[in-house]
Amino acid sequence: MDSRIDPLGMLGLRPGDAKILRNPGGRVTDQALGALVLGVNLLGVDRVLVIPHTRCAMATATESQLREQISEASGQDASGETVGAVEDQVAALREDVARVRAHPLIAASVAVGGFLYDVDTGRLSQLV
């Protein structure tokens, strides 16, 4: 979701080379997992990279802090919102990669990896 990041350029790819799913925190949500199932089974996707990034707003504040910030910015009560703060990016990345690998509609032949993109250096490091 972060506009500082060009996902295709980060991977040395061009338009048409990859399906890109972007969301806050880089998490594999239910919706993202559903899109991966479609991509793998209907669009020929054979490799999945889960890539959160450093200095992510979702990983720099707690769920309640993010809700407070949203309430202040919107002038509305956001206390009931689930925003998806990420307490530990590496643990979340491991969980997300395991979730993709374990899905019964994503074949074991699909390569799934977890990476962290450093927005300051441009370095992509495989962690899972």
N, C-alpha and C. Protein backbone atom coordinates (compact mmCIF):
# COMPACT_ATOMS: atom_id res chain seq x y z
N MET A 1 0.82 -1.19 0.00
CA MET A 1 0.00 0.00 0.00
C MET A 1 0.87 1.25 0.00
N ASP A 2 2.08 1.17 0.51
CA ASP A 2 2.96 2.33 0.68
C ASP A 2 3.41 2.89 -0.66
N SER A 3 3.15 4.16 -0.88
CA SER A 3 3.46 4.79 -2.17
C SER A 3 4.96 4.99 -2.40
N ARG A 4 5.79 4.78 -1.37
CA ARG A 4 7.24 4.87 -1.55
C ARG A 4 7.78 3.66 -2.31
N ILE A 5 6.98 2.63 -2.43
CA ILE A 5 7.47 1.36 -2.96
C ILE A 5 6.88 1.08 -4.34
N ASP A 6 7.77 0.77 -5.27
CA ASP A 6 7.38 0.32 -6.61
C ASP A 6 7.60 -1.19 -6.62
N PRO A 7 6.54 -1.98 -6.42
CA PRO A 7 6.74 -3.43 -6.28
C PRO A 7 7.37 -4.09 -7.49
N LEU A 8 7.02 -3.67 -8.68
CA LEU A 8 7.63 -4.27 -9.86
C LEU A 8 9.11 -3.92 -9.95
N GLY A 9 9.42 -2.64 -9.77
CA GLY A 9 10.81 -2.20 -9.82
C GLY A 9 11.66 -2.85 -8.74
N MET A 10 11.09 -3.03 -7.56
CA MET A 10 11.79 -3.65 -6.44
C MET A 10 12.26 -5.05 -6.81
N LEU A 11 11.49 -5.72 -7.65
CA LEU A 11 11.80 -7.10 -8.02
C LEU A 11 12.44 -7.21 -9.41
N GLY A 12 12.66 -6.07 -10.05
CA GLY A 12 13.23 -6.09 -11.39
C GLY A 12 12.26 -6.61 -12.44
N LEU A 13 10.98 -6.37 -12.21
CA LEU A 13 9.95 -6.85 -13.13
C LEU A 13 9.33 -5.69 -13.90
N ARG A 14 8.53 -6.03 -14.91
CA ARG A 14 7.82 -5.04 -15.72
C ARG A 14 6.32 -5.31 -15.64
N PRO A 15 5.51 -4.33 -16.05
CA PRO A 15 4.06 -4.56 -16.06
C PRO A 15 3.72 -5.84 -16.83
N GLY A 16 2.85 -6.63 -16.24
CA GLY A 16 2.44 -7.89 -16.85
C GLY A 16 3.21 -9.09 -16.34
N ASP A 17 4.32 -8.85 -15.62
CA ASP A 17 5.15 -9.95 -15.12
C ASP A 17 4.60 -10.60 -13.86
N ALA A 18 3.80 -9.87 -13.09
CA ALA A 18 3.37 -10.39 -11.79
C ALA A 18 2.00 -9.84 -11.41
N LYS A 19 1.31 -10.57 -10.58
CA LYS A 19 0.08 -10.10 -9.95
C LYS A 19 0.51 -9.47 -8.63
N ILE A 20 0.06 -8.28 -8.34
CA ILE A 20 0.46 -7.57 -7.13
C ILE A 20 -0.77 -7.34 -6.26
N LEU A 21 -0.71 -7.79 -5.02
CA LEU A 21 -1.76 -7.54 -4.04
C LEU A 21 -1.14 -6.66 -2.97
N ARG A 22 -1.74 -5.52 -2.70
CA ARG A 22 -1.19 -4.59 -1.71
C ARG A 22 -2.24 -4.29 -0.67
N ASN A 23 -1.80 -4.28 0.59
CA ASN A 23 -2.71 -3.92 1.67
C ASN A 23 -1.91 -3.41 2.87
N PRO A 24 -2.57 -2.78 3.82
CA PRO A 24 -1.87 -2.27 5.00
C PRO A 24 -1.18 -3.39 5.77
N GLY A 25 0.08 -3.18 6.08
CA GLY A 25 0.83 -4.16 6.86
C GLY A 25 1.38 -5.31 6.05
N GLY A 26 1.01 -5.41 4.79
CA GLY A 26 1.49 -6.51 3.95
C GLY A 26 1.05 -7.87 4.43
N ARG A 27 -0.07 -7.94 5.14
CA ARG A 27 -0.55 -9.19 5.72
C ARG A 27 -1.34 -10.02 4.72
N VAL A 28 -1.33 -11.32 4.93
CA VAL A 28 -2.15 -12.23 4.15
C VAL A 28 -3.51 -12.32 4.85
N THR A 29 -4.38 -11.40 4.49
CA THR A 29 -5.74 -11.37 5.04
C THR A 29 -6.58 -12.45 4.35
N ASP A 30 -7.79 -12.64 4.82
CA ASP A 30 -8.69 -13.58 4.15
C ASP A 30 -8.90 -13.19 2.69
N GLN A 31 -9.04 -11.89 2.44
CA GLN A 31 -9.25 -11.43 1.06
C GLN A 31 -8.01 -11.67 0.21
N ALA A 32 -6.84 -11.42 0.76
CA ALA A 32 -5.60 -11.67 0.01
C ALA A 32 -5.43 -13.16 -0.27
N LEU A 33 -5.75 -13.98 0.70
CA LEU A 33 -5.63 -15.43 0.51
C LEU A 33 -6.59 -15.90 -0.58
N GLY A 34 -7.80 -15.36 -0.59
CA GLY A 34 -8.75 -15.69 -1.65
C GLY A 34 -8.22 -15.29 -3.02
N ALA A 35 -7.60 -14.12 -3.11
CA ALA A 35 -7.02 -13.68 -4.37
C ALA A 35 -5.87 -14.58 -4.79
N LEU A 36 -5.08 -15.06 -3.83
CA LEU A 36 -3.99 -15.99 -4.14
C LEU A 36 -4.53 -17.31 -4.69
N VAL A 37 -5.61 -17.80 -4.10
CA VAL A 37 -6.24 -19.03 -4.59
C VAL A 37 -6.66 -18.84 -6.05
N LEU A 38 -7.28 -17.72 -6.35
CA LEU A 38 -7.68 -17.43 -7.73
C LEU A 38 -6.46 -17.34 -8.65
N GLY A 39 -5.45 -16.62 -8.21
CA GLY A 39 -4.24 -16.46 -9.02
C GLY A 39 -3.55 -17.77 -9.32
N VAL A 40 -3.42 -18.61 -8.31
CA VAL A 40 -2.74 -19.89 -8.49
C VAL A 40 -3.55 -20.82 -9.40
N ASN A 41 -4.84 -20.89 -9.18
CA ASN A 41 -5.65 -21.87 -9.88
C ASN A 41 -6.22 -21.41 -11.22
N LEU A 42 -6.36 -20.11 -11.41
CA LEU A 42 -6.97 -19.62 -12.65
C LEU A 42 -6.04 -18.76 -13.51
N LEU A 43 -4.97 -18.24 -12.91
CA LEU A 43 -4.12 -17.31 -13.64
C LEU A 43 -2.68 -17.78 -13.81
N GLY A 44 -2.40 -18.99 -13.40
CA GLY A 44 -1.06 -19.55 -13.62
C GLY A 44 0.02 -19.08 -12.67
N VAL A 45 -0.34 -18.50 -11.55
CA VAL A 45 0.66 -18.06 -10.58
C VAL A 45 1.34 -19.29 -9.98
N ASP A 46 2.67 -19.31 -10.01
CA ASP A 46 3.41 -20.46 -9.46
C ASP A 46 4.43 -20.05 -8.40
N ARG A 47 4.41 -18.77 -8.04
CA ARG A 47 5.33 -18.27 -7.01
C ARG A 47 4.64 -17.15 -6.25
N VAL A 48 4.71 -17.20 -4.93
CA VAL A 48 4.09 -16.18 -4.09
C VAL A 48 5.16 -15.60 -3.18
N LEU A 49 5.29 -14.28 -3.21
CA LEU A 49 6.20 -13.59 -2.32
C LEU A 49 5.38 -12.71 -1.39
N VAL A 50 5.54 -12.89 -0.10
CA VAL A 50 4.88 -12.05 0.89
C VAL A 50 5.95 -11.06 1.35
N ILE A 51 5.68 -9.75 1.15
CA ILE A 51 6.73 -8.76 1.38
C ILE A 51 6.22 -7.55 2.17
N PRO A 52 6.31 -7.59 3.48
CA PRO A 52 6.10 -6.35 4.24
C PRO A 52 7.35 -5.47 4.11
N HIS A 53 7.29 -4.27 4.66
CA HIS A 53 8.44 -3.37 4.55
C HIS A 53 8.77 -2.70 5.87
N THR A 54 9.98 -2.21 5.96
CA THR A 54 10.41 -1.49 7.15
C THR A 54 9.69 -0.14 7.22
N ARG A 55 9.69 0.42 8.41
CA ARG A 55 9.05 1.71 8.68
C ARG A 55 7.60 1.74 8.24
N CYS A 56 6.94 0.59 8.38
CA CYS A 56 5.52 0.47 8.06
C CYS A 56 4.70 1.06 9.20
N ALA A 57 3.76 1.92 8.86
CA ALA A 57 2.92 2.54 9.89
C ALA A 57 2.16 1.50 10.70
N MET A 58 1.81 0.38 10.07
CA MET A 58 1.07 -0.66 10.77
C MET A 58 1.93 -1.38 11.81
N ALA A 59 3.24 -1.24 11.70
CA ALA A 59 4.15 -1.92 12.62
C ALA A 59 4.82 -0.95 13.60
N THR A 60 4.41 0.31 13.57
CA THR A 60 5.05 1.29 14.45
C THR A 60 4.11 1.80 15.54
N ALA A 61 2.91 1.27 15.58
CA ALA A 61 1.94 1.68 16.60
C ALA A 61 1.07 0.48 16.96
N THR A 62 0.46 0.56 18.12
CA THR A 62 -0.45 -0.50 18.55
C THR A 62 -1.81 -0.31 17.88
N GLU A 63 -2.63 -1.32 17.98
CA GLU A 63 -3.99 -1.24 17.44
C GLU A 63 -4.74 -0.04 18.04
N SER A 64 -4.65 0.12 19.35
CA SER A 64 -5.37 1.23 20.00
C SER A 64 -4.79 2.58 19.59
N GLN A 65 -3.47 2.68 19.44
CA GLN A 65 -2.87 3.94 18.99
C GLN A 65 -3.33 4.29 17.58
N LEU A 66 -3.37 3.30 16.71
CA LEU A 66 -3.83 3.55 15.35
C LEU A 66 -5.29 3.99 15.33
N ARG A 67 -6.12 3.36 16.15
CA ARG A 67 -7.53 3.76 16.24
C ARG A 67 -7.66 5.19 16.74
N GLU A 68 -6.83 5.54 17.73
CA GLU A 68 -6.85 6.92 18.25
C GLU A 68 -6.45 7.91 17.15
N GLN A 69 -5.43 7.57 16.38
CA GLN A 69 -4.99 8.45 15.29
C GLN A 69 -6.09 8.62 14.25
N ILE A 70 -6.77 7.53 13.94
CA ILE A 70 -7.87 7.60 12.97
C ILE A 70 -9.02 8.44 13.52
N SER A 71 -9.34 8.26 14.80
CA SER A 71 -10.40 9.05 15.43
C SER A 71 -10.06 10.54 15.37
N GLU A 72 -8.82 10.87 15.70
CA GLU A 72 -8.40 12.28 15.67
C GLU A 72 -8.46 12.84 14.25
N ALA A 73 -7.97 12.07 13.28
CA ALA A 73 -7.93 12.55 11.90
C ALA A 73 -9.32 12.68 11.29
N SER A 74 -10.22 11.77 11.65
CA SER A 74 -11.55 11.76 11.03
C SER A 74 -12.59 12.56 11.82
N GLY A 75 -12.31 12.79 13.10
CA GLY A 75 -13.30 13.43 13.94
C GLY A 75 -14.43 12.50 14.31
N GLN A 76 -14.25 11.20 14.06
CA GLN A 76 -15.26 10.18 14.35
C GLN A 76 -14.66 9.13 15.28
N ASP A 77 -15.51 8.43 15.98
CA ASP A 77 -15.06 7.36 16.87
C ASP A 77 -14.66 6.14 16.05
N ALA A 78 -13.40 5.77 16.12
CA ALA A 78 -12.90 4.60 15.39
C ALA A 78 -12.59 3.44 16.34
N SER A 79 -13.11 3.51 17.56
CA SER A 79 -12.77 2.49 18.56
C SER A 79 -13.24 1.10 18.17
N GLY A 80 -14.20 0.99 17.30
CA GLY A 80 -14.70 -0.32 16.87
C GLY A 80 -14.00 -0.87 15.64
N GLU A 81 -13.11 -0.12 15.06
CA GLU A 81 -12.42 -0.54 13.85
C GLU A 81 -11.28 -1.51 14.16
N THR A 82 -11.12 -2.49 13.32
CA THR A 82 -9.94 -3.36 13.37
C THR A 82 -9.04 -2.90 12.25
N VAL A 83 -7.85 -2.41 12.62
CA VAL A 83 -6.96 -1.85 11.60
C VAL A 83 -5.80 -2.76 11.26
N GLY A 84 -5.49 -3.72 12.10
CA GLY A 84 -4.47 -4.71 11.77
C GLY A 84 -3.05 -4.31 12.10
N ALA A 85 -2.85 -3.71 13.26
CA ALA A 85 -1.48 -3.38 13.68
C ALA A 85 -0.65 -4.66 13.73
N VAL A 86 0.62 -4.51 13.41
CA VAL A 86 1.54 -5.65 13.37
C VAL A 86 2.56 -5.48 14.49
N GLU A 87 2.42 -6.29 15.52
CA GLU A 87 3.29 -6.17 16.69
C GLU A 87 4.71 -6.66 16.40
N ASP A 88 4.82 -7.74 15.65
CA ASP A 88 6.13 -8.34 15.33
C ASP A 88 6.12 -8.72 13.86
N GLN A 89 6.80 -7.94 13.02
CA GLN A 89 6.74 -8.18 11.57
C GLN A 89 7.27 -9.54 11.18
N VAL A 90 8.34 -9.99 11.80
CA VAL A 90 8.92 -11.29 11.42
C VAL A 90 7.99 -12.43 11.81
N ALA A 91 7.42 -12.37 13.00
CA ALA A 91 6.47 -13.40 13.42
C ALA A 91 5.24 -13.39 12.52
N ALA A 92 4.74 -12.21 12.18
CA ALA A 92 3.58 -12.10 11.29
C ALA A 92 3.92 -12.66 9.91
N LEU A 93 5.12 -12.39 9.43
CA LEU A 93 5.54 -12.89 8.13
C LEU A 93 5.60 -14.42 8.13
N ARG A 94 6.15 -14.99 9.17
CA ARG A 94 6.20 -16.46 9.27
C ARG A 94 4.79 -17.05 9.28
N GLU A 95 3.91 -16.42 10.04
CA GLU A 95 2.52 -16.88 10.12
C GLU A 95 1.84 -16.80 8.75
N ASP A 96 2.05 -15.70 8.05
CA ASP A 96 1.41 -15.51 6.75
C ASP A 96 1.93 -16.50 5.71
N VAL A 97 3.23 -16.72 5.69
CA VAL A 97 3.79 -17.68 4.73
C VAL A 97 3.27 -19.08 5.05
N ALA A 98 3.22 -19.45 6.31
CA ALA A 98 2.69 -20.76 6.70
C ALA A 98 1.23 -20.88 6.30
N ARG A 99 0.48 -19.81 6.43
CA ARG A 99 -0.94 -19.83 6.06
C ARG A 99 -1.12 -20.08 4.57
N VAL A 100 -0.30 -19.45 3.75
CA VAL A 100 -0.39 -19.66 2.30
C VAL A 100 0.01 -21.09 1.97
N ARG A 101 1.11 -21.55 2.54
CA ARG A 101 1.60 -22.90 2.25
C ARG A 101 0.61 -23.98 2.68
N ALA A 102 -0.14 -23.72 3.73
CA ALA A 102 -1.06 -24.73 4.27
C ALA A 102 -2.42 -24.74 3.59
N HIS A 103 -2.71 -23.75 2.76
CA HIS A 103 -4.04 -23.67 2.16
C HIS A 103 -4.25 -24.85 1.21
N PRO A 104 -5.35 -25.59 1.37
CA PRO A 104 -5.58 -26.78 0.54
C PRO A 104 -5.77 -26.48 -0.95
N LEU A 105 -6.09 -25.24 -1.30
CA LEU A 105 -6.28 -24.90 -2.70
C LEU A 105 -5.05 -24.24 -3.33
N ILE A 106 -3.95 -24.24 -2.59
CA ILE A 106 -2.67 -23.77 -3.13
C ILE A 106 -1.72 -24.96 -3.11
N ALA A 107 -1.39 -25.44 -4.30
CA ALA A 107 -0.58 -26.66 -4.43
C ALA A 107 0.79 -26.50 -3.79
N ALA A 108 1.30 -27.61 -3.29
CA ALA A 108 2.63 -27.63 -2.67
C ALA A 108 3.71 -27.24 -3.67
N SER A 109 3.43 -27.37 -4.95
CA SER A 109 4.41 -27.01 -5.99
C SER A 109 4.57 -25.49 -6.14
N VAL A 110 3.67 -24.72 -5.55
CA VAL A 110 3.77 -23.26 -5.61
C VAL A 110 4.84 -22.82 -4.61
N ALA A 111 5.84 -22.12 -5.11
CA ALA A 111 6.91 -21.60 -4.24
C ALA A 111 6.37 -20.41 -3.46
N VAL A 112 6.54 -20.46 -2.14
CA VAL A 112 6.06 -19.38 -1.28
C VAL A 112 7.21 -18.94 -0.39
N GLY A 113 7.51 -17.65 -0.40
CA GLY A 113 8.59 -17.13 0.43
C GLY A 113 8.19 -15.84 1.11
N GLY A 114 8.85 -15.57 2.21
CA GLY A 114 8.61 -14.36 2.98
C GLY A 114 9.85 -13.47 2.97
N PHE A 115 9.66 -12.21 2.63
CA PHE A 115 10.75 -11.27 2.49
C PHE A 115 10.44 -9.99 3.26
N LEU A 116 11.46 -9.23 3.57
CA LEU A 116 11.28 -7.91 4.16
C LEU A 116 12.00 -6.91 3.27
N TYR A 117 11.28 -5.87 2.85
CA TYR A 117 11.86 -4.82 2.01
C TYR A 117 12.26 -3.65 2.89
N ASP A 118 13.51 -3.23 2.78
CA ASP A 118 14.01 -2.08 3.54
C ASP A 118 13.81 -0.83 2.69
N VAL A 119 12.93 0.05 3.12
CA VAL A 119 12.62 1.24 2.32
C VAL A 119 13.78 2.22 2.27
N ASP A 120 14.71 2.14 3.21
CA ASP A 120 15.83 3.05 3.21
C ASP A 120 16.97 2.60 2.29
N THR A 121 17.20 1.31 2.23
CA THR A 121 18.33 0.79 1.43
C THR A 121 17.90 0.18 0.11
N GLY A 122 16.61 -0.15 -0.02
CA GLY A 122 16.14 -0.85 -1.21
C GLY A 122 16.47 -2.33 -1.19
N ARG A 123 16.97 -2.82 -0.07
CA ARG A 123 17.36 -4.23 0.04
C ARG A 123 16.14 -5.11 0.36
N LEU A 124 16.08 -6.22 -0.33
CA LEU A 124 15.04 -7.21 -0.11
C LEU A 124 15.70 -8.43 0.52
N SER A 125 15.30 -8.78 1.74
CA SER A 125 15.91 -9.90 2.45
C SER A 125 14.91 -11.02 2.65
N GLN A 126 15.29 -12.23 2.27
CA GLN A 126 14.40 -13.38 2.49
C GLN A 126 14.54 -13.80 3.94
N LEU A 127 13.41 -13.88 4.64
CA LEU A 127 13.37 -14.28 6.04
C LEU A 127 12.70 -15.62 6.25
N VAL A 128 11.85 -16.02 5.32
CA VAL A 128 11.11 -17.29 5.45
C VAL A 128 11.16 -17.99 4.10
